[in-house]
Amino acid sequence: MGRQVRLRVLLVAQSATARAVGGTEMRENFATRILVRYTRNAWRMLVPQVSPIPMPTEHPGRAQVVTGGRAHETQVLNLSNAEAREWAMSGAHSNARTGPALQKPAHPGRTGRAPEGR
């Protein structure tokens, strides 16, 4: 029924156990699951229908987006705590049609990649 009235629920959790979210039935309401810095146990708990994929270690900011029984690796913002706070407090807002209003990073050297020459 929630989709019919355009109701969406977003949950960010360190450990989304069935007990923490209101039961296994409630957890099934989350059609898309994004796993970042996950363990094999977390993978088995949250997306048991999909074969575990090793956590990416070579590229900071990589995540697995699991929907429809398939996992897709994707790049997400990789900000330090200070950068995330600065962006959150900057007043930059998101537009539903164009996505987040991202400006140049406050620290141009932080791109989530190792500096050149390393």
PDB file of N, CA and C in Angstrom:
ATOM      1  N   MET A   1       0.820  -1.200   0.000  1.00  0.00           N
ATOM      2  CA  MET A   1       0.000   0.000   0.000  1.00  0.00           C
ATOM      3  C   MET A   1       0.861   1.259   0.000  1.00  0.00           C
ATOM      4  N   GLY A   2       2.027   1.204   0.639  1.00  0.00           N
ATOM      5  CA  GLY A   2       2.870   2.388   0.725  1.00  0.00           C
ATOM      6  C   GLY A   2       3.264   2.927  -0.630  1.00  0.00           C
ATOM      7  N   ARG A   3       3.567   2.045  -1.578  1.00  0.00           N
ATOM      8  CA  ARG A   3       3.972   2.504  -2.911  1.00  0.00           C
ATOM      9  C   ARG A   3       2.831   3.203  -3.626  1.00  0.00           C
ATOM     10  N   GLN A   4       1.612   2.774  -3.379  1.00  0.00           N
ATOM     11  CA  GLN A   4       0.466   3.380  -4.048  1.00  0.00           C
ATOM     12  C   GLN A   4       0.288   4.838  -3.649  1.00  0.00           C
ATOM     13  N   VAL A   5       0.652   5.184  -2.429  1.00  0.00           N
ATOM     14  CA  VAL A   5       0.512   6.574  -1.993  1.00  0.00           C
ATOM     15  C   VAL A   5       1.864   7.294  -1.993  1.00  0.00           C
ATOM     16  N   ARG A   6       2.839   6.706  -2.714  1.00  0.00           N
ATOM     17  CA  ARG A   6       4.172   7.281  -2.874  1.00  0.00           C
ATOM     18  C   ARG A   6       4.897   7.463  -1.547  1.00  0.00           C
ATOM     19  N   LEU A   7       4.720   6.517  -0.654  1.00  0.00           N
ATOM     20  CA  LEU A   7       5.373   6.533   0.639  1.00  0.00           C
ATOM     21  C   LEU A   7       6.660   5.729   0.541  1.00  0.00           C
ATOM     22  N   ARG A   8       7.756   6.330   0.927  1.00  0.00           N
ATOM     23  CA  ARG A   8       9.048   5.651   0.906  1.00  0.00           C
ATOM     24  C   ARG A   8       9.637   5.708   2.310  1.00  0.00           C
ATOM     25  N   VAL A   9      10.352   4.670   2.683  1.00  0.00           N
ATOM     26  CA  VAL A   9      10.987   4.607   3.997  1.00  0.00           C
ATOM     27  C   VAL A   9      12.473   4.418   3.782  1.00  0.00           C
ATOM     28  N   LEU A  10      13.261   5.211   4.470  1.00  0.00           N
ATOM     29  CA  LEU A  10      14.705   5.110   4.400  1.00  0.00           C
ATOM     30  C   LEU A  10      15.207   4.762   5.789  1.00  0.00           C
ATOM     31  N   LEU A  11      16.018   3.757   5.879  1.00  0.00           N
ATOM     32  CA  LEU A  11      16.588   3.338   7.150  1.00  0.00           C
ATOM     33  C   LEU A  11      18.092   3.240   6.988  1.00  0.00           C
ATOM     34  N   VAL A  12      18.818   3.860   7.893  1.00  0.00           N
ATOM     35  CA  VAL A  12      20.265   3.724   7.940  1.00  0.00           C
ATOM     36  C   VAL A  12      20.566   3.050   9.261  1.00  0.00           C
ATOM     37  N   ALA A  13      21.250   1.912   9.207  1.00  0.00           N
ATOM     38  CA  ALA A  13      21.492   1.151  10.423  1.00  0.00           C
ATOM     39  C   ALA A  13      22.867   0.536  10.420  1.00  0.00           C
ATOM     40  N   GLN A  14      23.444   0.449  11.594  1.00  0.00           N
ATOM     41  CA  GLN A  14      24.720  -0.238  11.723  1.00  0.00           C
ATOM     42  C   GLN A  14      24.488  -1.741  11.712  1.00  0.00           C
ATOM     43  N   SER A  15      23.419  -2.192  12.334  1.00  0.00           N
ATOM     44  CA  SER A  15      23.075  -3.608  12.344  1.00  0.00           C
ATOM     45  C   SER A  15      21.558  -3.723  12.275  1.00  0.00           C
ATOM     46  N   ALA A  16      21.041  -3.929  11.085  1.00  0.00           N
ATOM     47  CA  ALA A  16      19.590  -3.965  10.882  1.00  0.00           C
ATOM     48  C   ALA A  16      19.041  -5.367  11.159  1.00  0.00           C
ATOM     49  N   THR A  17      19.178  -5.794  12.406  1.00  0.00           N
ATOM     50  CA  THR A  17      18.643  -7.109  12.767  1.00  0.00           C
ATOM     51  C   THR A  17      17.123  -7.063  12.699  1.00  0.00           C
ATOM     52  N   ALA A  18      16.523  -8.226  12.576  1.00  0.00           N
ATOM     53  CA  ALA A  18      15.060  -8.288  12.521  1.00  0.00           C
ATOM     54  C   ALA A  18      14.462  -7.658  13.773  1.00  0.00           C
ATOM     55  N   ARG A  19      15.046  -7.933  14.916  1.00  0.00           N
ATOM     56  CA  ARG A  19      14.527  -7.371  16.170  1.00  0.00           C
ATOM     57  C   ARG A  19      14.605  -5.841  16.171  1.00  0.00           C
ATOM     58  N   ALA A  20      15.688  -5.292  15.623  1.00  0.00           N
ATOM     59  CA  ALA A  20      15.877  -3.841  15.621  1.00  0.00           C
ATOM     60  C   ALA A  20      14.876  -3.110  14.736  1.00  0.00           C
ATOM     61  N   VAL A  21      14.424  -3.742  13.640  1.00  0.00           N
ATOM     62  CA  VAL A  21      13.512  -3.067  12.718  1.00  0.00           C
ATOM     63  C   VAL A  21      12.056  -3.500  12.863  1.00  0.00           C
ATOM     64  N   GLY A  22      11.771  -4.356  13.823  1.00  0.00           N
ATOM     65  CA  GLY A  22      10.379  -4.726  14.066  1.00  0.00           C
ATOM     66  C   GLY A  22       9.988  -6.112  13.572  1.00  0.00           C
ATOM     67  N   GLY A  23      10.959  -6.947  13.266  1.00  0.00           N
ATOM     68  CA  GLY A  23      10.664  -8.311  12.835  1.00  0.00           C
ATOM     69  C   GLY A  23      11.079  -8.575  11.404  1.00  0.00           C
ATOM     70  N   THR A  24      11.159  -9.864  11.065  1.00  0.00           N
ATOM     71  CA  THR A  24      11.591 -10.222   9.714  1.00  0.00           C
ATOM     72  C   THR A  24      10.600  -9.732   8.667  1.00  0.00           C
ATOM     73  N   GLU A  25       9.324  -9.704   9.024  1.00  0.00           N
ATOM     74  CA  GLU A  25       8.313  -9.230   8.072  1.00  0.00           C
ATOM     75  C   GLU A  25       8.535  -7.758   7.738  1.00  0.00           C
ATOM     76  N   MET A  26       8.876  -6.969   8.750  1.00  0.00           N
ATOM     77  CA  MET A  26       9.112  -5.538   8.537  1.00  0.00           C
ATOM     78  C   MET A  26      10.359  -5.328   7.668  1.00  0.00           C
ATOM     79  N   ARG A  27      11.389  -6.120   7.893  1.00  0.00           N
ATOM     80  CA  ARG A  27      12.615  -5.973   7.111  1.00  0.00           C
ATOM     81  C   ARG A  27      12.365  -6.272   5.638  1.00  0.00           C
ATOM     82  N   GLU A  28      11.404  -7.102   5.335  1.00  0.00           N
ATOM     83  CA  GLU A  28      11.084  -7.419   3.942  1.00  0.00           C
ATOM     84  C   GLU A  28      10.478  -6.229   3.201  1.00  0.00           C
ATOM     85  N   ASN A  29      10.081  -5.188   3.903  1.00  0.00           N
ATOM     86  CA  ASN A  29       9.543  -3.994   3.245  1.00  0.00           C
ATOM     87  C   ASN A  29      10.625  -3.182   2.537  1.00  0.00           C
ATOM     88  N   PHE A  30      11.881  -3.460   2.827  1.00  0.00           N
ATOM     89  CA  PHE A  30      12.980  -2.717   2.224  1.00  0.00           C
ATOM     90  C   PHE A  30      13.414  -3.441   0.957  1.00  0.00           C
ATOM     91  N   ALA A  31      12.967  -2.958  -0.194  1.00  0.00           N
ATOM     92  CA  ALA A  31      13.225  -3.618  -1.471  1.00  0.00           C
ATOM     93  C   ALA A  31      14.651  -3.405  -1.956  1.00  0.00           C
ATOM     94  N   THR A  32      15.255  -2.288  -1.588  1.00  0.00           N
ATOM     95  CA  THR A  32      16.627  -1.992  -1.978  1.00  0.00           C
ATOM     96  C   THR A  32      17.469  -1.903  -0.722  1.00  0.00           C
ATOM     97  N   ARG A  33      18.590  -2.582  -0.738  1.00  0.00           N
ATOM     98  CA  ARG A  33      19.490  -2.568   0.415  1.00  0.00           C
ATOM     99  C   ARG A  33      20.875  -2.190  -0.074  1.00  0.00           C
ATOM    100  N   ILE A  34      21.488  -1.247   0.615  1.00  0.00           N
ATOM    101  CA  ILE A  34      22.821  -0.779   0.243  1.00  0.00           C
ATOM    102  C   ILE A  34      23.771  -1.178   1.364  1.00  0.00           C
ATOM    103  N   LEU A  35      24.760  -1.974   1.022  1.00  0.00           N
ATOM    104  CA  LEU A  35      25.709  -2.466   2.007  1.00  0.00           C
ATOM    105  C   LEU A  35      27.073  -1.843   1.769  1.00  0.00           C
ATOM    106  N   VAL A  36      27.619  -1.243   2.829  1.00  0.00           N
ATOM    107  CA  VAL A  36      28.929  -0.608   2.786  1.00  0.00           C
ATOM    108  C   VAL A  36      29.719  -1.129   3.974  1.00  0.00           C
ATOM    109  N   ARG A  37      30.962  -1.476   3.773  1.00  0.00           N
ATOM    110  CA  ARG A  37      31.817  -2.017   4.838  1.00  0.00           C
ATOM    111  C   ARG A  37      31.105  -3.124   5.600  1.00  0.00           C
ATOM    112  N   TYR A  38      30.618  -4.102   4.901  1.00  0.00           N
ATOM    113  CA  TYR A  38      29.832  -5.185   5.468  1.00  0.00           C
ATOM    114  C   TYR A  38      30.704  -6.399   5.762  1.00  0.00           C
ATOM    115  N   THR A  39      30.179  -7.260   6.617  1.00  0.00           N
ATOM    116  CA  THR A  39      30.828  -8.536   6.889  1.00  0.00           C
ATOM    117  C   THR A  39      30.025  -9.626   6.179  1.00  0.00           C
ATOM    118  N   ARG A  40      30.604 -10.811   6.102  1.00  0.00           N
ATOM    119  CA  ARG A  40      29.897 -11.942   5.501  1.00  0.00           C
ATOM    120  C   ARG A  40      28.618 -12.230   6.296  1.00  0.00           C
ATOM    121  N   ASN A  41      28.685 -12.114   7.624  1.00  0.00           N
ATOM    122  CA  ASN A  41      27.498 -12.348   8.453  1.00  0.00           C
ATOM    123  C   ASN A  41      26.404 -11.324   8.165  1.00  0.00           C
ATOM    124  N   ALA A  42      26.783 -10.059   8.018  1.00  0.00           N
ATOM    125  CA  ALA A  42      25.794  -9.019   7.706  1.00  0.00           C
ATOM    126  C   ALA A  42      25.157  -9.291   6.349  1.00  0.00           C
ATOM    127  N   TRP A  43      25.981  -9.698   5.372  1.00  0.00           N
ATOM    128  CA  TRP A  43      25.459 -10.009   4.041  1.00  0.00           C
ATOM    129  C   TRP A  43      24.425 -11.121   4.132  1.00  0.00           C
ATOM    130  N   ARG A  44      24.772 -12.210   4.827  1.00  0.00           N
ATOM    131  CA  ARG A  44      23.853 -13.353   4.943  1.00  0.00           C
ATOM    132  C   ARG A  44      22.554 -12.967   5.648  1.00  0.00           C
ATOM    133  N   MET A  45      22.637 -12.070   6.613  1.00  0.00           N
ATOM    134  CA  MET A  45      21.458 -11.655   7.359  1.00  0.00           C
ATOM    135  C   MET A  45      20.552 -10.753   6.504  1.00  0.00           C
ATOM    136  N   LEU A  46      21.153  -9.827   5.761  1.00  0.00           N
ATOM    137  CA  LEU A  46      20.362  -8.818   5.059  1.00  0.00           C
ATOM    138  C   LEU A  46      19.939  -9.215   3.650  1.00  0.00           C
ATOM    139  N   VAL A  47      20.771  -9.968   2.947  1.00  0.00           N
ATOM    140  CA  VAL A  47      20.435 -10.373   1.581  1.00  0.00           C
ATOM    141  C   VAL A  47      20.786 -11.849   1.355  1.00  0.00           C
ATOM    142  N   PRO A  48      20.146 -12.740   2.089  1.00  0.00           N
ATOM    143  CA  PRO A  48      20.497 -14.156   1.983  1.00  0.00           C
ATOM    144  C   PRO A  48      20.202 -14.765   0.614  1.00  0.00           C
ATOM    145  N   GLN A  49      19.337 -14.151  -0.167  1.00  0.00           N
ATOM    146  CA  GLN A  49      18.976 -14.690  -1.481  1.00  0.00           C
ATOM    147  C   GLN A  49      20.033 -14.414  -2.540  1.00  0.00           C
ATOM    148  N   VAL A  50      21.057 -13.626  -2.212  1.00  0.00           N
ATOM    149  CA  VAL A  50      22.109 -13.268  -3.160  1.00  0.00           C
ATOM    150  C   VAL A  50      23.436 -13.835  -2.664  1.00  0.00           C
ATOM    151  N   SER A  51      24.195 -14.446  -3.558  1.00  0.00           N
ATOM    152  CA  SER A  51      25.505 -14.982  -3.166  1.00  0.00           C
ATOM    153  C   SER A  51      26.391 -13.855  -2.656  1.00  0.00           C
ATOM    154  N   PRO A  52      27.095 -14.083  -1.548  1.00  0.00           N
ATOM    155  CA  PRO A  52      27.957 -13.029  -0.990  1.00  0.00           C
ATOM    156  C   PRO A  52      29.023 -12.571  -1.980  1.00  0.00           C
ATOM    157  N   ILE A  53      29.242 -11.282  -2.012  1.00  0.00           N
ATOM    158  CA  ILE A  53      30.264 -10.672  -2.851  1.00  0.00           C
ATOM    159  C   ILE A  53      31.326 -10.098  -1.916  1.00  0.00           C
ATOM    160  N   PRO A  54      32.605 -10.389  -2.147  1.00  0.00           N
ATOM    161  CA  PRO A  54      33.633  -9.836  -1.267  1.00  0.00           C
ATOM    162  C   PRO A  54      33.557  -8.315  -1.208  1.00  0.00           C
ATOM    163  N   MET A  55      33.802  -7.768  -0.035  1.00  0.00           N
ATOM    164  CA  MET A  55      33.749  -6.324   0.136  1.00  0.00           C
ATOM    165  C   MET A  55      34.892  -5.675  -0.646  1.00  0.00           C
ATOM    166  N   PRO A  56      34.590  -4.653  -1.450  1.00  0.00           N
ATOM    167  CA  PRO A  56      35.646  -3.968  -2.202  1.00  0.00           C
ATOM    168  C   PRO A  56      36.637  -3.309  -1.247  1.00  0.00           C
ATOM    169  N   THR A  57      37.922  -3.489  -1.496  1.00  0.00           N
ATOM    170  CA  THR A  57      38.928  -2.880  -0.628  1.00  0.00           C
ATOM    171  C   THR A  57      39.848  -1.936  -1.384  1.00  0.00           C
ATOM    172  N   GLU A  58      39.909  -2.062  -2.698  1.00  0.00           N
ATOM    173  CA  GLU A  58      40.829  -1.242  -3.484  1.00  0.00           C
ATOM    174  C   GLU A  58      40.306   0.159  -3.750  1.00  0.00           C
ATOM    175  N   HIS A  59      38.999   0.350  -3.725  1.00  0.00           N
ATOM    176  CA  HIS A  59      38.413   1.642  -4.068  1.00  0.00           C
ATOM    177  C   HIS A  59      37.535   2.138  -2.924  1.00  0.00           C
ATOM    178  N   PRO A  60      38.010   3.094  -2.128  1.00  0.00           N
ATOM    179  CA  PRO A  60      37.182   3.631  -1.035  1.00  0.00           C
ATOM    180  C   PRO A  60      35.874   4.213  -1.578  1.00  0.00           C
ATOM    181  N   GLY A  61      34.796   4.008  -0.842  1.00  0.00           N
ATOM    182  CA  GLY A  61      33.511   4.556  -1.245  1.00  0.00           C
ATOM    183  C   GLY A  61      32.700   3.637  -2.130  1.00  0.00           C
ATOM    184  N   ARG A  62      33.102   2.390  -2.272  1.00  0.00           N
ATOM    185  CA  ARG A  62      32.326   1.442  -3.069  1.00  0.00           C
ATOM    186  C   ARG A  62      31.296   0.767  -2.175  1.00  0.00           C
ATOM    187  N   ALA A  63      30.131   0.507  -2.736  1.00  0.00           N
ATOM    188  CA  ALA A  63      29.045  -0.126  -2.002  1.00  0.00           C
ATOM    189  C   ALA A  63      28.348  -1.121  -2.912  1.00  0.00           C
ATOM    190  N   GLN A  64      27.621  -2.037  -2.318  1.00  0.00           N
ATOM    191  CA  GLN A  64      26.804  -2.978  -3.072  1.00  0.00           C
ATOM    192  C   GLN A  64      25.351  -2.561  -2.929  1.00  0.00           C
ATOM    193  N   VAL A  65      24.676  -2.341  -4.028  1.00  0.00           N
ATOM    194  CA  VAL A  65      23.254  -2.019  -4.032  1.00  0.00           C
ATOM    195  C   VAL A  65      22.537  -3.296  -4.454  1.00  0.00           C
ATOM    196  N   VAL A  66      21.723  -3.829  -3.560  1.00  0.00           N
ATOM    197  CA  VAL A  66      21.036  -5.084  -3.822  1.00  0.00           C
ATOM    198  C   VAL A  66      19.545  -4.805  -3.984  1.00  0.00           C
ATOM    199  N   THR A  67      19.036  -5.157  -5.150  1.00  0.00           N
ATOM    200  CA  THR A  67      17.614  -5.000  -5.430  1.00  0.00           C
ATOM    201  C   THR A  67      17.210  -6.067  -6.450  1.00  0.00           C
ATOM    202  N   GLY A  68      16.022  -6.566  -6.309  1.00  0.00           N
ATOM    203  CA  GLY A  68      15.530  -7.562  -7.246  1.00  0.00           C
ATOM    204  C   GLY A  68      16.361  -8.827  -7.284  1.00  0.00           C
ATOM    205  N   GLY A  69      16.992  -9.173  -6.168  1.00  0.00           N
ATOM    206  CA  GLY A  69      17.782 -10.394  -6.121  1.00  0.00           C
ATOM    207  C   GLY A  69      19.136 -10.314  -6.790  1.00  0.00           C
ATOM    208  N   ARG A  70      19.589  -9.089  -7.110  1.00  0.00           N
ATOM    209  CA  ARG A  70      20.891  -8.908  -7.758  1.00  0.00           C
ATOM    210  C   ARG A  70      21.668  -7.799  -7.056  1.00  0.00           C
ATOM    211  N   ALA A  71      22.978  -7.976  -6.986  1.00  0.00           N
ATOM    212  CA  ALA A  71      23.856  -6.975  -6.381  1.00  0.00           C
ATOM    213  C   ALA A  71      24.610  -6.228  -7.470  1.00  0.00           C
ATOM    214  N   HIS A  72      24.709  -4.918  -7.304  1.00  0.00           N
ATOM    215  CA  HIS A  72      25.426  -4.065  -8.256  1.00  0.00           C
ATOM    216  C   HIS A  72      26.401  -3.197  -7.466  1.00  0.00           C
ATOM    217  N   GLU A  73      27.670  -3.255  -7.811  1.00  0.00           N
ATOM    218  CA  GLU A  73      28.651  -2.409  -7.150  1.00  0.00           C
ATOM    219  C   GLU A  73      28.517  -1.001  -7.694  1.00  0.00           C
ATOM    220  N   THR A  74      28.586  -0.022  -6.803  1.00  0.00           N
ATOM    221  CA  THR A  74      28.464   1.368  -7.219  1.00  0.00           C
ATOM    222  C   THR A  74      29.371   2.242  -6.369  1.00  0.00           C
ATOM    223  N   GLN A  75      29.699   3.406  -6.868  1.00  0.00           N
ATOM    224  CA  GLN A  75      30.525   4.365  -6.138  1.00  0.00           C
ATOM    225  C   GLN A  75      29.619   5.342  -5.414  1.00  0.00           C
ATOM    226  N   VAL A  76      29.896   5.582  -4.151  1.00  0.00           N
ATOM    227  CA  VAL A  76      29.128   6.541  -3.362  1.00  0.00           C
ATOM    228  C   VAL A  76      30.075   7.645  -2.891  1.00  0.00           C
ATOM    229  N   LEU A  77      29.527   8.717  -2.355  1.00  0.00           N
ATOM    230  CA  LEU A  77      30.367   9.792  -1.834  1.00  0.00           C
ATOM    231  C   LEU A  77      31.288   9.241  -0.765  1.00  0.00           C
ATOM    232  N   ASN A  78      32.529   9.637  -0.791  1.00  0.00           N
ATOM    233  CA  ASN A  78      33.509   9.182   0.186  1.00  0.00           C
ATOM    234  C   ASN A  78      34.082  10.421   0.864  1.00  0.00           C
ATOM    235  N   LEU A  79      33.380  10.897   1.872  1.00  0.00           N
ATOM    236  CA  LEU A  79      33.760  12.122   2.562  1.00  0.00           C
ATOM    237  C   LEU A  79      34.273  11.808   3.959  1.00  0.00           C
ATOM    238  N   SER A  80      35.196  12.632   4.437  1.00  0.00           N
ATOM    239  CA  SER A  80      35.613  12.518   5.831  1.00  0.00           C
ATOM    240  C   SER A  80      34.456  13.049   6.688  1.00  0.00           C
ATOM    241  N   ASN A  81      34.508  12.810   7.985  1.00  0.00           N
ATOM    242  CA  ASN A  81      33.472  13.325   8.875  1.00  0.00           C
ATOM    243  C   ASN A  81      33.378  14.847   8.773  1.00  0.00           C
ATOM    244  N   ALA A  82      34.525  15.512   8.714  1.00  0.00           N
ATOM    245  CA  ALA A  82      34.534  16.981   8.631  1.00  0.00           C
ATOM    246  C   ALA A  82      33.904  17.448   7.317  1.00  0.00           C
ATOM    247  N   GLU A  83      34.244  16.782   6.212  1.00  0.00           N
ATOM    248  CA  GLU A  83      33.671  17.158   4.917  1.00  0.00           C
ATOM    249  C   GLU A  83      32.167  16.911   4.879  1.00  0.00           C
ATOM    250  N   ALA A  84      31.717  15.805   5.430  1.00  0.00           N
ATOM    251  CA  ALA A  84      30.285  15.499   5.457  1.00  0.00           C
ATOM    252  C   ALA A  84      29.540  16.543   6.277  1.00  0.00           C
ATOM    253  N   ARG A  85      30.098  16.913   7.420  1.00  0.00           N
ATOM    254  CA  ARG A  85      29.459  17.933   8.260  1.00  0.00           C
ATOM    255  C   ARG A  85      29.416  19.274   7.531  1.00  0.00           C
ATOM    256  N   GLU A  86      30.530  19.647   6.901  1.00  0.00           N
ATOM    257  CA  GLU A  86      30.579  20.912   6.165  1.00  0.00           C
ATOM    258  C   GLU A  86      29.527  20.946   5.060  1.00  0.00           C
ATOM    259  N   TRP A  87      29.398  19.847   4.330  1.00  0.00           N
ATOM    260  CA  TRP A  87      28.408  19.771   3.253  1.00  0.00           C
ATOM    261  C   TRP A  87      26.998  19.830   3.825  1.00  0.00           C
ATOM    262  N   ALA A  88      26.755  19.080   4.914  1.00  0.00           N
ATOM    263  CA  ALA A  88      25.422  19.061   5.525  1.00  0.00           C
ATOM    264  C   ALA A  88      25.041  20.437   6.064  1.00  0.00           C
ATOM    265  N   MET A  89      26.003  21.164   6.584  1.00  0.00           N
ATOM    266  CA  MET A  89      25.727  22.469   7.187  1.00  0.00           C
ATOM    267  C   MET A  89      25.772  23.609   6.167  1.00  0.00           C
ATOM    268  N   SER A  90      26.165  23.319   4.919  1.00  0.00           N
ATOM    269  CA  SER A  90      26.343  24.375   3.926  1.00  0.00           C
ATOM    270  C   SER A  90      25.026  24.946   3.401  1.00  0.00           C
ATOM    271  N   GLY A  91      23.953  24.218   3.598  1.00  0.00           N
ATOM    272  CA  GLY A  91      22.676  24.683   3.071  1.00  0.00           C
ATOM    273  C   GLY A  91      22.412  24.203   1.664  1.00  0.00           C
ATOM    274  N   ALA A  92      23.378  23.496   1.059  1.00  0.00           N
ATOM    275  CA  ALA A  92      23.146  22.935  -0.276  1.00  0.00           C
ATOM    276  C   ALA A  92      22.010  21.937  -0.158  1.00  0.00           C
ATOM    277  N   HIS A  93      21.078  21.974  -1.089  1.00  0.00           N
ATOM    278  CA  HIS A  93      19.922  21.083  -0.993  1.00  0.00           C
ATOM    279  C   HIS A  93      19.804  20.240  -2.251  1.00  0.00           C
ATOM    280  N   SER A  94      18.959  19.248  -2.154  1.00  0.00           N
ATOM    281  CA  SER A  94      18.758  18.323  -3.253  1.00  0.00           C
ATOM    282  C   SER A  94      17.511  18.722  -4.029  1.00  0.00           C
ATOM    283  N   ASN A  95      17.551  18.495  -5.321  1.00  0.00           N
ATOM    284  CA  ASN A  95      16.397  18.697  -6.175  1.00  0.00           C
ATOM    285  C   ASN A  95      15.977  17.313  -6.650  1.00  0.00           C
ATOM    286  N   ALA A  96      14.717  16.981  -6.494  1.00  0.00           N
ATOM    287  CA  ALA A  96      14.247  15.638  -6.831  1.00  0.00           C
ATOM    288  C   ALA A  96      14.531  15.274  -8.286  1.00  0.00           C
ATOM    289  N   ARG A  97      14.619  16.267  -9.164  1.00  0.00           N
ATOM    290  CA  ARG A  97      14.853  15.966 -10.580  1.00  0.00           C
ATOM    291  C   ARG A  97      16.329  15.883 -10.945  1.00  0.00           C
ATOM    292  N   THR A  98      17.163  16.637 -10.246  1.00  0.00           N
ATOM    293  CA  THR A  98      18.570  16.672 -10.629  1.00  0.00           C
ATOM    294  C   THR A  98      19.479  15.998  -9.621  1.00  0.00           C
ATOM    295  N   GLY A  99      18.981  15.603  -8.475  1.00  0.00           N
ATOM    296  CA  GLY A  99      19.805  14.930  -7.476  1.00  0.00           C
ATOM    297  C   GLY A  99      20.456  15.929  -6.538  1.00  0.00           C
ATOM    298  N   PRO A 100      21.401  15.446  -5.713  1.00  0.00           N
ATOM    299  CA  PRO A 100      22.030  16.309  -4.721  1.00  0.00           C
ATOM    300  C   PRO A 100      22.786  17.461  -5.354  1.00  0.00           C
ATOM    301  N   ALA A 101      22.769  18.571  -4.678  1.00  0.00           N
ATOM    302  CA  ALA A 101      23.524  19.741  -5.136  1.00  0.00           C
ATOM    303  C   ALA A 101      24.946  19.584  -4.642  1.00  0.00           C
ATOM    304  N   LEU A 102      25.793  19.052  -5.463  1.00  0.00           N
ATOM    305  CA  LEU A 102      27.182  18.840  -5.073  1.00  0.00           C
ATOM    306  C   LEU A 102      28.047  19.940  -5.651  1.00  0.00           C
ATOM    307  N   GLN A 103      28.854  20.518  -4.797  1.00  0.00           N
ATOM    308  CA  GLN A 103      29.800  21.509  -5.251  1.00  0.00           C
ATOM    309  C   GLN A 103      31.186  20.910  -5.198  1.00  0.00           C
ATOM    310  N   LYS A 104      32.181  21.690  -5.586  1.00  0.00           N
ATOM    311  CA  LYS A 104      33.553  21.220  -5.496  1.00  0.00           C
ATOM    312  C   LYS A 104      33.843  20.864  -4.047  1.00  0.00           C
ATOM    313  N   PRO A 105      34.636  19.809  -3.806  1.00  0.00           N
ATOM    314  CA  PRO A 105      34.973  19.454  -2.437  1.00  0.00           C
ATOM    315  C   PRO A 105      35.720  20.592  -1.757  1.00  0.00           C
ATOM    316  N   ALA A 106      35.480  20.728  -0.451  1.00  0.00           N
ATOM    317  CA  ALA A 106      36.168  21.758   0.315  1.00  0.00           C
ATOM    318  C   ALA A 106      37.664  21.493   0.333  1.00  0.00           C
ATOM    319  N   HIS A 107      38.029  20.231   0.220  1.00  0.00           N
ATOM    320  CA  HIS A 107      39.425  19.828   0.232  1.00  0.00           C
ATOM    321  C   HIS A 107      39.711  19.142  -1.096  1.00  0.00           C
ATOM    322  N   PRO A 108      40.171  19.889  -2.110  1.00  0.00           N
ATOM    323  CA  PRO A 108      40.316  19.335  -3.452  1.00  0.00           C
ATOM    324  C   PRO A 108      41.156  18.060  -3.513  1.00  0.00           C
ATOM    325  N   GLY A 109      42.058  17.852  -2.578  1.00  0.00           N
ATOM    326  CA  GLY A 109      42.893  16.664  -2.608  1.00  0.00           C
ATOM    327  C   GLY A 109      42.168  15.397  -2.207  1.00  0.00           C
ATOM    328  N   ARG A 110      41.009  15.499  -1.554  1.00  0.00           N
ATOM    329  CA  ARG A 110      40.277  14.301  -1.107  1.00  0.00           C
ATOM    330  C   ARG A 110      39.294  13.889  -2.178  1.00  0.00           C
ATOM    331  N   THR A 111      39.660  12.896  -2.931  1.00  0.00           N
ATOM    332  CA  THR A 111      38.769  12.417  -3.986  1.00  0.00           C
ATOM    333  C   THR A 111      38.391  10.966  -3.758  1.00  0.00           C
ATOM    334  N   GLY A 112      38.914  10.355  -2.676  1.00  0.00           N
ATOM    335  CA  GLY A 112      38.649   8.950  -2.458  1.00  0.00           C
ATOM    336  C   GLY A 112      39.678   8.065  -3.147  1.00  0.00           C
ATOM    337  N   ARG A 113      40.610   8.691  -3.858  1.00  0.00           N
ATOM    338  CA  ARG A 113      41.655   7.944  -4.544  1.00  0.00           C
ATOM    339  C   ARG A 113      43.000   8.265  -3.893  1.00  0.00           C
ATOM    340  N   ALA A 114      43.927   7.367  -4.030  1.00  0.00           N
ATOM    341  CA  ALA A 114      45.263   7.613  -3.516  1.00  0.00           C
ATOM    342  C   ALA A 114      45.917   8.737  -4.325  1.00  0.00           C
ATOM    343  N   PRO A 115      46.712   9.569  -3.684  1.00  0.00           N
ATOM    344  CA  PRO A 115      47.392  10.635  -4.431  1.00  0.00           C
ATOM    345  C   PRO A 115      48.266  10.043  -5.530  1.00  0.00           C
ATOM    346  N   GLU A 116      48.435  10.785  -6.609  1.00  0.00           N
ATOM    347  CA  GLU A 116      49.232  10.306  -7.731  1.00  0.00           C
ATOM    348  C   GLU A 116      50.668  10.093  -7.269  1.00  0.00           C
ATOM    349  N   GLY A 117      51.299   9.107  -7.852  1.00  0.00           N
ATOM    350  CA  GLY A 117      52.686   8.822  -7.492  1.00  0.00           C
ATOM    351  C   GLY A 117      52.800   7.755  -6.419  1.00  0.00           C
ATOM    352  N   ARG A 118      51.677   7.279  -5.885  1.00  0.00           N
ATOM    353  CA  ARG A 118      51.711   6.225  -4.868  1.00  0.00           C
ATOM    354  C   ARG A 118      51.346   4.919  -5.464  1.00  0.00           C
TER     355      ARG A 118
END
